[in-house]
C-alpha atoms as a PDB file:
ATOM      1  CA  MET A   1      13.008   8.480   7.956  1.00  0.00           C
ATOM      2  CA  ILE A   2      10.703  10.183   5.436  1.00  0.00           C
ATOM      3  CA  ASP A   3       9.801  13.775   6.245  1.00  0.00           C
ATOM      4  CA  TRP A   4       6.217  13.872   7.501  1.00  0.00           C
ATOM      5  CA  THR A   5       5.552  16.881   5.263  1.00  0.00           C
ATOM      6  CA  ASP A   6       5.916  14.542   2.256  1.00  0.00           C
ATOM      7  CA  ILE A   7       2.856  12.577   3.371  1.00  0.00           C
ATOM      8  CA  VAL A   8      -0.471  14.139   2.503  1.00  0.00           C
ATOM      9  CA  SER A   9      -3.712  13.963   4.452  1.00  0.00           C
ATOM     10  CA  GLN A  10      -5.176  11.333   2.088  1.00  0.00           C
ATOM     11  CA  LEU A  11      -2.761   8.727   3.467  1.00  0.00           C
ATOM     12  CA  VAL A  12      -2.697   9.658   7.162  1.00  0.00           C
ATOM     13  CA  ASN A  13      -5.167   7.022   8.360  1.00  0.00           C
ATOM     14  CA  MET A  14      -4.233   4.332   5.854  1.00  0.00           C
ATOM     15  CA  ARG A  15      -3.131   0.929   7.119  1.00  0.00           C
ATOM     16  CA  CYS A  16       0.459   0.361   5.997  1.00  0.00           C
ATOM     17  CA  ILE A  17       3.340  -2.081   6.211  1.00  0.00           C
ATOM     18  CA  GLU A  18       7.094  -1.587   6.359  1.00  0.00           C
ATOM     19  CA  LEU A  19       9.160  -2.697   3.351  1.00  0.00           C
ATOM     20  CA  LYS A  20      12.673  -4.103   3.548  1.00  0.00           C
ATOM     21  CA  PRO A  21      14.992  -3.658   0.523  1.00  0.00           C
ATOM     22  CA  LEU A  22      16.689  -6.712  -0.939  1.00  0.00           C
ATOM     23  CA  THR A  23      19.424  -6.847  -3.554  1.00  0.00           C
ATOM     24  CA  HIS A  24      19.876 -10.140  -5.322  1.00  0.00           C
ATOM     25  CA  ALA A  25      21.126 -11.689  -8.541  1.00  0.00           C
ATOM     26  CA  SER A  26      18.925 -11.366 -11.586  1.00  0.00           C
ATOM     27  CA  PRO A  27      18.277 -14.519 -13.667  1.00  0.00           C
ATOM     28  CA  LYS A  28      19.414 -12.475 -16.659  1.00  0.00           C
ATOM     29  CA  GLY A  29      22.600 -11.373 -14.925  1.00  0.00           C
ATOM     30  CA  GLY A  30      23.521  -8.331 -12.879  1.00  0.00           C
ATOM     31  CA  LEU A  31      21.881  -7.128  -9.688  1.00  0.00           C
ATOM     32  CA  ARG A  32      18.250  -6.175  -9.225  1.00  0.00           C
ATOM     33  CA  SER A  33      16.301  -4.937  -6.227  1.00  0.00           C
ATOM     34  CA  ASN A  34      13.093  -6.164  -4.691  1.00  0.00           C
ATOM     35  CA  TYR A  35      11.032  -5.636  -1.566  1.00  0.00           C
ATOM     36  CA  THR A  36       9.807  -7.950   1.123  1.00  0.00           C
ATOM     37  CA  THR A  37       7.603  -7.045   4.074  1.00  0.00           C
ATOM     38  CA  ASN A  38       7.573  -7.553   7.787  1.00  0.00           C
ATOM     39  CA  LYS A  39       4.464  -8.735   9.618  1.00  0.00           C
ATOM     40  CA  GLU A  40       3.601  -5.500  11.426  1.00  0.00           C
ATOM     41  CA  VAL A  41       0.672  -3.396  10.196  1.00  0.00           C
ATOM     42  CA  TRP A  42       0.126   0.179  11.365  1.00  0.00           C
ATOM     43  CA  SER A  43      -1.148   3.608  10.397  1.00  0.00           C
ATOM     44  CA  LEU A  44       1.353   6.168   9.122  1.00  0.00           C
ATOM     45  CA  TYR A  45       0.987   8.866  11.729  1.00  0.00           C
ATOM     46  CA  PRO A  46       3.297   9.708  13.434  1.00  0.00           C
ATOM     47  CA  PHE A  47       5.900   7.140  12.337  1.00  0.00           C
ATOM     48  CA  VAL A  48       6.964   6.952   8.676  1.00  0.00           C
ATOM     49  CA  PRO A  49       9.782   4.469   7.893  1.00  0.00           C
ATOM     50  CA  GLU A  50      12.190   4.909   5.024  1.00  0.00           C
ATOM     51  CA  ARG A  51      10.323   2.327   2.969  1.00  0.00           C
ATOM     52  CA  TYR A  52       6.650   1.528   3.447  1.00  0.00           C
ATOM     53  CA  GLY A  53       3.725   0.182   1.467  1.00  0.00           C
ATOM     54  CA  VAL A  54       0.059   1.182   1.548  1.00  0.00           C
ATOM     55  CA  LEU A  55      -2.172  -1.868   2.029  1.00  0.00           C
ATOM     56  CA  LEU A  56      -5.098  -2.127  -0.356  1.00  0.00           C
ATOM     57  CA  LYS A  57      -7.750  -4.524   0.960  1.00  0.00           C
ATOM     58  CA  PRO A  58      -7.669  -3.272   4.598  1.00  0.00           C
ATOM     59  CA  ASN A  59      -8.187   0.274   3.286  1.00  0.00           C
ATOM     60  CA  ASN A  60     -10.840  -0.780   0.718  1.00  0.00           C
ATOM     61  CA  ILE A  61      -8.928   0.914  -2.091  1.00  0.00           C
ATOM     62  CA  LEU A  62      -7.518  -0.116  -5.435  1.00  0.00           C
ATOM     63  CA  VAL A  63      -4.615   1.360  -7.343  1.00  0.00           C
ATOM     64  CA  ILE A  64      -4.367   1.565 -11.116  1.00  0.00           C
ATOM     65  CA  ASP A  65      -0.647   1.078 -11.759  1.00  0.00           C
ATOM     66  CA  ILE A  66       0.330   2.599 -15.113  1.00  0.00           C
ATOM     67  CA  ASP A  67       3.772   1.233 -15.992  1.00  0.00           C
ATOM     68  CA  TYR A  68       3.748   2.576 -19.578  1.00  0.00           C
ATOM     69  CA  PRO A  69       2.350   6.147 -19.607  1.00  0.00           C
ATOM     70  CA  ASP A  70       3.341   6.433 -23.276  1.00  0.00           C
ATOM     71  CA  LYS A  71       0.617   3.885 -24.044  1.00  0.00           C
ATOM     72  CA  VAL A  72      -2.090   4.779 -21.531  1.00  0.00           C
ATOM     73  CA  ASP A  73      -2.577   8.273 -20.142  1.00  0.00           C
ATOM     74  CA  TYR A  74      -3.738   8.834 -16.558  1.00  0.00           C
ATOM     75  CA  ASP A  75      -6.454  11.170 -17.894  1.00  0.00           C
ATOM     76  CA  MET A  76      -8.214   8.132 -19.339  1.00  0.00           C
ATOM     77  CA  PHE A  77      -9.425   7.449 -15.791  1.00  0.00           C
ATOM     78  CA  PRO A  78     -11.473   9.567 -13.323  1.00  0.00           C
ATOM     79  CA  THR A  79      -9.435  12.322 -11.668  1.00  0.00           C
ATOM     80  CA  THR A  80      -8.127  11.225  -8.285  1.00  0.00           C
ATOM     81  CA  PHE A  81      -5.164  11.334  -5.913  1.00  0.00           C
ATOM     82  CA  THR A  82      -2.172  10.331  -8.083  1.00  0.00           C
ATOM     83  CA  VAL A  83       1.426   9.394  -7.300  1.00  0.00           C
ATOM     84  CA  ARG A  84       4.329   9.546  -9.745  1.00  0.00           C
ATOM     85  CA  THR A  85       6.272   6.317  -9.205  1.00  0.00           C
ATOM     86  CA  GLY A  86      10.025   6.049  -8.908  1.00  0.00           C
ATOM     87  CA  GLY A  87      10.003   4.015 -12.102  1.00  0.00           C
ATOM     88  CA  GLY A  88       8.359   6.797 -14.134  1.00  0.00           C
ATOM     89  CA  GLY A  89       4.777   5.503 -14.084  1.00  0.00           C
ATOM     90  CA  PHE A  90       1.679   6.508 -12.113  1.00  0.00           C
ATOM     91  CA  HIS A  91      -0.367   5.144  -9.195  1.00  0.00           C
ATOM     92  CA  LEU A  92      -4.026   6.221  -9.287  1.00  0.00           C
ATOM     93  CA  TYR A  93      -5.806   5.656  -5.940  1.00  0.00           C
ATOM     94  CA  TYR A  94      -9.556   4.899  -5.749  1.00  0.00           C
ATOM     95  CA  HIS A  95     -12.082   3.874  -3.124  1.00  0.00           C
ATOM     96  CA  LYS A  96     -13.831   0.690  -4.295  1.00  0.00           C
ATOM     97  CA  VAL A  97     -17.593   0.714  -4.964  1.00  0.00           C
ATOM     98  CA  GLY A  98     -19.468  -2.413  -6.081  1.00  0.00           C
ATOM     99  CA  ASN A  99     -19.001  -6.150  -5.705  1.00  0.00           C
ATOM    100  CA  SER A 100     -17.799  -7.523  -9.062  1.00  0.00           C
ATOM    101  CA  TRP A 101     -14.092  -7.071  -8.423  1.00  0.00           C
ATOM    102  CA  ASP A 102     -13.278 -10.676  -9.335  1.00  0.00           C
ATOM    103  CA  GLU A 103     -14.171  -9.733 -12.934  1.00  0.00           C
ATOM    104  CA  ILE A 104     -11.463  -7.057 -13.069  1.00  0.00           C
ATOM    105  CA  PRO A 105      -8.229  -8.313 -14.715  1.00  0.00           C
ATOM    106  CA  TYR A 106      -5.153  -8.063 -12.500  1.00  0.00           C
ATOM    107  CA  SER A 107      -2.659  -7.746 -15.341  1.00  0.00           C
ATOM    108  CA  VAL A 108      -3.118  -5.546 -18.414  1.00  0.00           C
ATOM    109  CA  SER A 109      -0.744  -4.791 -21.273  1.00  0.00           C
ATOM    110  CA  TRP A 110       0.238  -1.397 -19.866  1.00  0.00           C
ATOM    111  CA  GLY A 111       0.357  -2.133 -16.109  1.00  0.00           C
ATOM    112  CA  GLU A 112      -1.670  -3.654 -13.292  1.00  0.00           C
ATOM    113  CA  ILE A 113      -4.993  -3.197 -11.506  1.00  0.00           C
ATOM    114  CA  LYS A 114      -4.115  -3.780  -7.852  1.00  0.00           C
ATOM    115  CA  ILE A 115      -6.898  -4.636  -5.397  1.00  0.00           C
ATOM    116  CA  SER A 116      -4.845  -6.653  -2.890  1.00  0.00           C
ATOM    117  CA  GLY A 117      -1.351  -6.630  -1.455  1.00  0.00           C
ATOM    118  CA  HIS A 118       0.322  -3.219  -1.262  1.00  0.00           C
ATOM    119  CA  VAL A 119       1.765  -0.378  -3.320  1.00  0.00           C
ATOM    120  CA  VAL A 120       4.945   1.536  -2.498  1.00  0.00           C
ATOM    121  CA  GLY A 121       4.126   4.755  -0.637  1.00  0.00           C
ATOM    122  CA  VAL A 122       4.842   8.421  -1.255  1.00  0.00           C
ATOM    123  CA  GLY A 123       8.373   9.504  -0.358  1.00  0.00           C
ATOM    124  CA  VAL A 124      10.020   6.099  -0.822  1.00  0.00           C
ATOM    125  CA  THR A 125      13.126   6.003  -3.039  1.00  0.00           C
ATOM    126  CA  HIS A 126      13.052   3.563  -5.959  1.00  0.00           C
ATOM    127  CA  GLU A 127      15.853   1.018  -5.489  1.00  0.00           C
ATOM    128  CA  GLU A 128      16.990   1.096  -9.124  1.00  0.00           C
ATOM    129  CA  THR A 129      16.310   4.590 -10.479  1.00  0.00           C
ATOM    130  CA  ARG A 130      16.916   6.313  -7.099  1.00  0.00           C
ATOM    131  CA  ASP A 131      13.935   8.570  -7.877  1.00  0.00           C
ATOM    132  CA  LYS A 132      11.305   9.146  -5.210  1.00  0.00           C
ATOM    133  CA  TYR A 133       7.630   8.237  -5.330  1.00  0.00           C
ATOM    134  CA  SER A 134       6.153  11.737  -5.332  1.00  0.00           C
ATOM    135  CA  ILE A 135       2.733  13.368  -5.243  1.00  0.00           C
ATOM    136  CA  PHE A 136       1.582  14.180  -8.766  1.00  0.00           C
ATOM    137  CA  ARG A 137      -2.028  15.161  -8.143  1.00  0.00           C
ATOM    138  CA  ASN A 138      -2.825  16.171  -4.560  1.00  0.00           C
ATOM    139  CA  ILE A 139      -6.610  15.894  -4.379  1.00  0.00           C
ATOM    140  CA  PRO A 140      -8.985  13.636  -2.388  1.00  0.00           C
ATOM    141  CA  ILE A 141      -9.153   9.968  -3.357  1.00  0.00           C
ATOM    142  CA  ASN A 142     -12.054   9.470  -5.756  1.00  0.00           C
ATOM    143  CA  SER A 143     -14.417   6.462  -5.867  1.00  0.00           C
ATOM    144  CA  ILE A 144     -14.775   4.060  -8.773  1.00  0.00           C
ATOM    145  CA  GLN A 145     -17.399   1.393  -9.480  1.00  0.00           C
ATOM    146  CA  SER A 146     -16.324  -2.090 -10.533  1.00  0.00           C
ATOM    147  CA  ASN A 147     -18.619  -2.269 -13.567  1.00  0.00           C
ATOM    148  CA  LYS A 148     -17.567   1.170 -14.831  1.00  0.00           C
ATOM    149  CA  LEU A 149     -13.893   0.323 -14.419  1.00  0.00           C
ATOM    150  CA  LYS A 150     -14.391  -2.945 -16.314  1.00  0.00           C
ATOM    151  CA  ASN A 151     -16.095  -1.117 -19.206  1.00  0.00           C
ATOM    152  CA  ARG A 152     -13.390   1.547 -19.273  1.00  0.00           C
ATOM    153  CA  LEU A 153     -10.618  -1.087 -19.393  1.00  0.00           C
ATOM    154  CA  ASN A 154     -12.390  -2.848 -22.263  1.00  0.00           C
ATOM    155  CA  ARG A 155     -12.620   0.415 -24.224  1.00  0.00           C
ATOM    156  CA  ILE A 156      -8.928   1.114 -23.675  1.00  0.00           C
ATOM    157  CA  GLU A 157      -7.936  -2.366 -24.891  1.00  0.00           C
ATOM    158  CA  LYS A 158     -10.138  -2.004 -27.993  1.00  0.00           C
ATOM    159  CA  THR A 159      -8.637   1.403 -28.759  1.00  0.00           C
ATOM    160  CA  MET A 160      -5.112   0.012 -28.445  1.00  0.00           C
ATOM    161  CA  ARG A 161      -5.966  -2.848 -30.813  1.00  0.00           C
ATOM    162  CA  ARG A 162      -7.434  -0.440 -33.339  1.00  0.00           C
ATOM    163  CA  GLU A 163      -4.362   1.783 -33.200  1.00  0.00           C
ATOM    164  CA  GLY A 164      -2.013  -1.188 -33.536  1.00  0.00           C
ATOM    165  CA  ASP A 165      -0.355  -0.714 -30.143  1.00  0.00           C
ATOM    166  CA  TYR A 166      -1.675  -3.793 -28.353  1.00  0.00           C
ATOM    167  CA  ARG A 167       0.305  -6.847 -27.336  1.00  0.00           C
ATOM    168  CA  GLY A 168      -1.928  -8.040 -24.533  1.00  0.00           C
ATOM    169  CA  SER A 169      -1.043  -9.459 -21.147  1.00  0.00           C
ATOM    170  CA  GLU A 170      -0.951 -13.054 -19.942  1.00  0.00           C
ATOM    171  CA  GLU A 171      -4.353 -12.636 -18.325  1.00  0.00           C
ATOM    172  CA  SER A 172      -6.087 -10.719 -21.113  1.00  0.00           C
ATOM    173  CA  ARG A 173      -4.952 -13.296 -23.692  1.00  0.00           C
ATOM    174  CA  ALA A 174      -6.273 -16.092 -21.508  1.00  0.00           C
ATOM    175  CA  ARG A 175      -9.636 -14.340 -21.105  1.00  0.00           C
ATOM    176  CA  GLU A 176      -9.868 -13.841 -24.873  1.00  0.00           C
ATOM    177  CA  ASN A 177      -9.325 -17.562 -25.441  1.00  0.00           C
ATOM    178  CA  VAL A 178     -12.121 -18.393 -22.982  1.00  0.00           C
ATOM    179  CA  ASP A 179     -14.526 -15.996 -24.753  1.00  0.00           C
ATOM    180  CA  LYS A 180     -13.706 -17.579 -28.129  1.00  0.00           C
ATOM    181  CA  GLU A 181     -14.407 -21.052 -26.768  1.00  0.00           C
ATOM    182  CA  LYS A 182     -17.793 -19.945 -25.415  1.00  0.00           C
ATOM    183  CA  LYS A 183     -18.789 -18.512 -28.802  1.00  0.00           C
ATOM    184  CA  ASN A 184     -17.411 -21.485 -30.761  1.00  0.00           C
ATOM    185  CA  PRO A 185     -17.740 -24.698 -28.697  1.00  0.00           C
ATOM    186  CA  LYS A 186     -15.118 -27.293 -29.556  1.00  0.00           C
ATOM    187  CA  LYS A 187     -15.948 -30.688 -30.964  1.00  0.00           C
ATOM    188  CA  LYS A 188     -15.136 -33.875 -29.113  1.00  0.00           C
ATOM    189  CA  LYS A 189     -11.460 -34.578 -28.603  1.00  0.00           C
ATOM    190  CA  SER A 190     -11.532 -37.412 -31.117  1.00  0.00           C
ATOM    191  CA  GLN A 191     -12.651 -34.943 -33.803  1.00  0.00           C
ATOM    192  CA  ILE A 192     -10.117 -32.239 -33.030  1.00  0.00           C
ATOM    193  CA  SER A 193      -7.017 -31.977 -35.143  1.00  0.00           C
ATOM    194  CA  GLN A 194      -3.652 -32.321 -33.460  1.00  0.00           C
ATOM    195  CA  LYS A 195      -2.993 -28.634 -34.051  1.00  0.00           C
ATOM    196  CA  LYS A 196      -6.194 -27.510 -32.332  1.00  0.00           C
ATOM    197  CA  PHE A 197      -5.652 -29.924 -29.481  1.00  0.00           C
ATOM    198  CA  THR A 198      -2.171 -28.463 -28.951  1.00  0.00           C
ATOM    199  CA  GLN A 199      -3.657 -24.960 -28.949  1.00  0.00           C
ATOM    200  CA  ARG A 200      -6.142 -25.957 -26.237  1.00  0.00           C
ATOM    201  CA  VAL A 201      -3.361 -27.385 -24.086  1.00  0.00           C
ATOM    202  CA  GLU A 202      -1.464 -24.110 -24.466  1.00  0.00           C
ATOM    203  CA  GLN A 203      -4.584 -22.151 -23.471  1.00  0.00           C
ATOM    204  CA  GLU A 204      -5.018 -24.249 -20.340  1.00  0.00           C
ATOM    205  CA  LYS A 205      -1.352 -23.709 -19.494  1.00  0.00           C
ATOM    206  CA  THR A 206      -1.832 -19.938 -19.919  1.00  0.00           C
ATOM    207  CA  HIS A 207      -4.781 -20.038 -17.479  1.00  0.00           C
ATOM    208  CA  ARG A 208      -2.666 -21.931 -14.981  1.00  0.00           C
ATOM    209  CA  PHE A 209       0.244 -19.490 -15.354  1.00  0.00           C
ATOM    210  CA  VAL A 210      -2.036 -16.514 -14.673  1.00  0.00           C
ATOM    211  CA  GLU A 211      -3.486 -18.266 -11.623  1.00  0.00           C
ATOM    212  CA  VAL A 212      -0.047 -18.923 -10.101  1.00  0.00           C
ATOM    213  CA  PHE A 213       1.259 -15.476 -11.130  1.00  0.00           C
ATOM    214  CA  ASN A 214      -1.612 -13.729  -9.314  1.00  0.00           C
ATOM    215  CA  SER A 215      -1.425 -16.014  -6.254  1.00  0.00           C
ATOM    216  CA  LEU A 216       2.182 -14.939  -5.639  1.00  0.00           C
ATOM    217  CA  SER A 217       1.475 -11.191  -5.812  1.00  0.00           C
ATOM    218  CA  ASN A 218       1.535 -10.671  -2.027  1.00  0.00           C
ATOM    219  CA  LEU A 219       4.767 -12.636  -1.696  1.00  0.00           C
ATOM    220  CA  ILE A 220       6.821 -11.252  -4.594  1.00  0.00           C
ATOM    221  CA  TYR A 221       6.376  -7.602  -5.549  1.00  0.00           C
ATOM    222  CA  SER A 222       8.487  -7.662  -8.708  1.00  0.00           C
ATOM    223  CA  ARG A 223       6.418  -8.711 -11.743  1.00  0.00           C
ATOM    224  CA  GLU A 224       9.566  -9.869 -13.566  1.00  0.00           C
ATOM    225  CA  TYR A 225      10.520 -12.334 -10.846  1.00  0.00           C
ATOM    226  CA  ARG A 226       6.930 -13.429 -10.311  1.00  0.00           C
ATOM    227  CA  ARG A 227       6.771 -14.356 -13.998  1.00  0.00           C
ATOM    228  CA  ALA A 228      10.049 -16.280 -13.739  1.00  0.00           C
ATOM    229  CA  ILE A 229       8.863 -18.238 -10.685  1.00  0.00           C
ATOM    230  CA  ALA A 230       5.394 -18.939 -12.104  1.00  0.00           C
ATOM    231  CA  ALA A 231       6.928 -20.144 -15.394  1.00  0.00           C
ATOM    232  CA  ARG A 232       9.139 -22.651 -13.566  1.00  0.00           C
ATOM    233  CA  LEU A 233       6.276 -23.887 -11.389  1.00  0.00           C
ATOM    234  CA  VAL A 234       3.860 -24.527 -14.279  1.00  0.00           C
ATOM    235  CA  ALA A 235       6.478 -26.021 -16.615  1.00  0.00           C
ATOM    236  CA  ASP A 236       6.045 -29.708 -17.443  1.00  0.00           C
ATOM    237  CA  LYS A 237       9.677 -30.659 -16.808  1.00  0.00           C
ATOM    238  CA  PRO A 238      11.912 -27.765 -15.699  1.00  0.00           C
ATOM    239  CA  SER A 239      15.618 -28.497 -15.724  1.00  0.00           C
ATOM    240  CA  HIS A 240      17.593 -29.164 -12.550  1.00  0.00           C
ATOM    241  CA  SER A 241      19.240 -25.728 -12.748  1.00  0.00           C
ATOM    242  CA  GLN A 242      15.840 -24.062 -13.135  1.00  0.00           C
ATOM    243  CA  ARG A 243      14.572 -25.821  -9.995  1.00  0.00           C
ATOM    244  CA  LEU A 244      17.711 -24.816  -8.093  1.00  0.00           C
ATOM    245  CA  TRP A 245      17.181 -21.182  -9.123  1.00  0.00           C
ATOM    246  CA  LEU A 246      13.549 -21.396  -7.971  1.00  0.00           C
ATOM    247  CA  VAL A 247      14.452 -22.736  -4.529  1.00  0.00           C
ATOM    248  CA  GLY A 248      17.403 -20.366  -4.170  1.00  0.00           C
ATOM    249  CA  PHE A 249      15.255 -17.333  -4.990  1.00  0.00           C
ATOM    250  CA  LEU A 250      12.477 -18.316  -2.571  1.00  0.00           C
ATOM    251  CA  LYS A 251      15.076 -19.075   0.095  1.00  0.00           C
ATOM    252  CA  ASN A 252      17.240 -15.953   0.000  1.00  0.00           C
ATOM    253  CA  PRO A 253      15.661 -12.839  -1.529  1.00  0.00           C
ATOM    254  CA  VAL A 254      12.115 -13.786  -0.480  1.00  0.00           C
ATOM    255  CA  ASP A 255      13.447 -15.137   2.847  1.00  0.00           C
ATOM    256  CA  LEU A 256      11.241 -18.238   3.164  1.00  0.00           C
ATOM    257  CA  ASP A 257      12.108 -21.130   5.435  1.00  0.00           C
ATOM    258  CA  LEU A 258      12.330 -24.775   4.372  1.00  0.00           C
ATOM    259  CA  GLU A 259       8.697 -25.624   5.114  1.00  0.00           C
ATOM    260  CA  GLU A 260       7.368 -22.539   3.303  1.00  0.00           C
ATOM    261  CA  VAL A 261       9.378 -23.305   0.152  1.00  0.00           C
ATOM    262  CA  LEU A 262       8.148 -26.904   0.096  1.00  0.00           C
ATOM    263  CA  GLU A 263       4.572 -25.719   0.642  1.00  0.00           C
ATOM    264  CA  ILE A 264       4.722 -23.377  -2.376  1.00  0.00           C
ATOM    265  CA  ILE A 265       6.267 -26.029  -4.617  1.00  0.00           C
ATOM    266  CA  GLY A 266       3.763 -28.641  -3.457  1.00  0.00           C
ATOM    267  CA  GLU A 267       0.768 -26.371  -4.016  1.00  0.00           C
ATOM    268  CA  TYR A 268       1.634 -24.777  -7.354  1.00  0.00           C
ATOM    269  CA  ASN A 269       3.937 -27.114  -9.315  1.00  0.00           C
ATOM    270  CA  ASP A 270       2.700 -28.865 -12.474  1.00  0.00           C
ATOM    271  CA  TRP A 271       5.842 -30.963 -12.958  1.00  0.00           C
ATOM    272  CA  LYS A 272       5.108 -34.270 -14.642  1.00  0.00           C
ATOM    273  CA  ASP A 273       8.095 -35.856 -12.922  1.00  0.00           C
ATOM    274  CA  TYR A 274       7.327 -34.370  -9.466  1.00  0.00           C
ATOM    275  CA  ASP A 275       8.450 -36.623  -6.636  1.00  0.00           C
ATOM    276  CA  LYS A 276       7.526 -35.245  -3.221  1.00  0.00           C
ATOM    277  CA  GLU A 277      10.162 -37.169  -1.282  1.00  0.00           C
ATOM    278  CA  GLU A 278      12.952 -36.421  -3.759  1.00  0.00           C
ATOM    279  CA  THR A 279      12.031 -32.721  -3.796  1.00  0.00           C
ATOM    280  CA  GLU A 280      12.074 -32.540   0.010  1.00  0.00           C
ATOM    281  CA  TYR A 281      15.469 -34.261   0.033  1.00  0.00           C
ATOM    282  CA  GLN A 282      16.981 -31.859  -2.538  1.00  0.00           C
ATOM    283  CA  VAL A 283      15.589 -28.719  -0.871  1.00  0.00           C
ATOM    284  CA  TYR A 284      16.733 -29.914   2.560  1.00  0.00           C
ATOM    285  CA  ASN A 285      20.281 -30.470   1.249  1.00  0.00           C
ATOM    286  CA  LEU A 286      20.328 -26.976  -0.261  1.00  0.00           C
ATOM    287  CA  TYR A 287      19.434 -25.421   3.089  1.00  0.00           C
ATOM    288  CA  GLU A 288      22.000 -27.551   4.909  1.00  0.00           C
ATOM    289  CA  ARG A 289      24.784 -26.578   2.490  1.00  0.00           C
ATOM    290  CA  ASP A 290      23.964 -22.949   3.050  1.00  0.00           C
ATOM    291  CA  LYS A 291      24.251 -23.413   6.823  1.00  0.00           C
ATOM    292  CA  GLU A 292      27.673 -25.078   6.424  1.00  0.00           C
ATOM    293  CA  GLN A 293      28.946 -22.239   4.234  1.00  0.00           C
ATOM    294  CA  ARG A 294      28.012 -19.735   6.914  1.00  0.00           C
END
């Protein structure tokens, strides 16, 4: 259990969810850790499990997740309750004000803007670094307006471009492509060169990747694995081994049953050779083989 003295008053009445640690094989080799959640939702007081997450939507808060503090400093945002993450970044908590939250990008080049799902709570030990999520700035949670946050994010991205330290995220690159198309409408397909047509296809694929990537945020906490799964789902013709990895990951670390795996594949896949019956047959056999091995 986490010592109650590690939890500050700002989080006492927050709606939370328990996290279960999972260790599984990384697609790049070695072992990596991830979290999954149970179904129970509760307030922290007086019970604090060893691993818990603070829910965002039920508490009407957002968290600015700075993964790369060497690129973006927390002082670029309004002062608020701040947590130092186990991975070395920062979580900035804010109460949401305004309605235009669908215009806020989820993924940015230096982290994430989280308005749904959960964030790991204070006192939890990071599975890889073994460092704790600790209180960095113990003050009341500030409020932030959607339009002001959007303008601030735009200024940060422009500054990073100007200073030559900008690579962009999947979502920001997709948004830039949309803005360019609005300013410079394309000609009819018959008048477009093969090169430009290929570029448009790639832009559409980027939009689709971002859509799937964001849709899986409540299911898969790790951004690395969410990218890997989204990439396999939106691929035109993933290899057999790539599809096996996809099913195996959803089955074991994420702990989905047969019907849930088939539902995700059916909803999000863009495979040109997708055969519903064949996919159901292959996934069913994989589950049956696992039962036999047990």
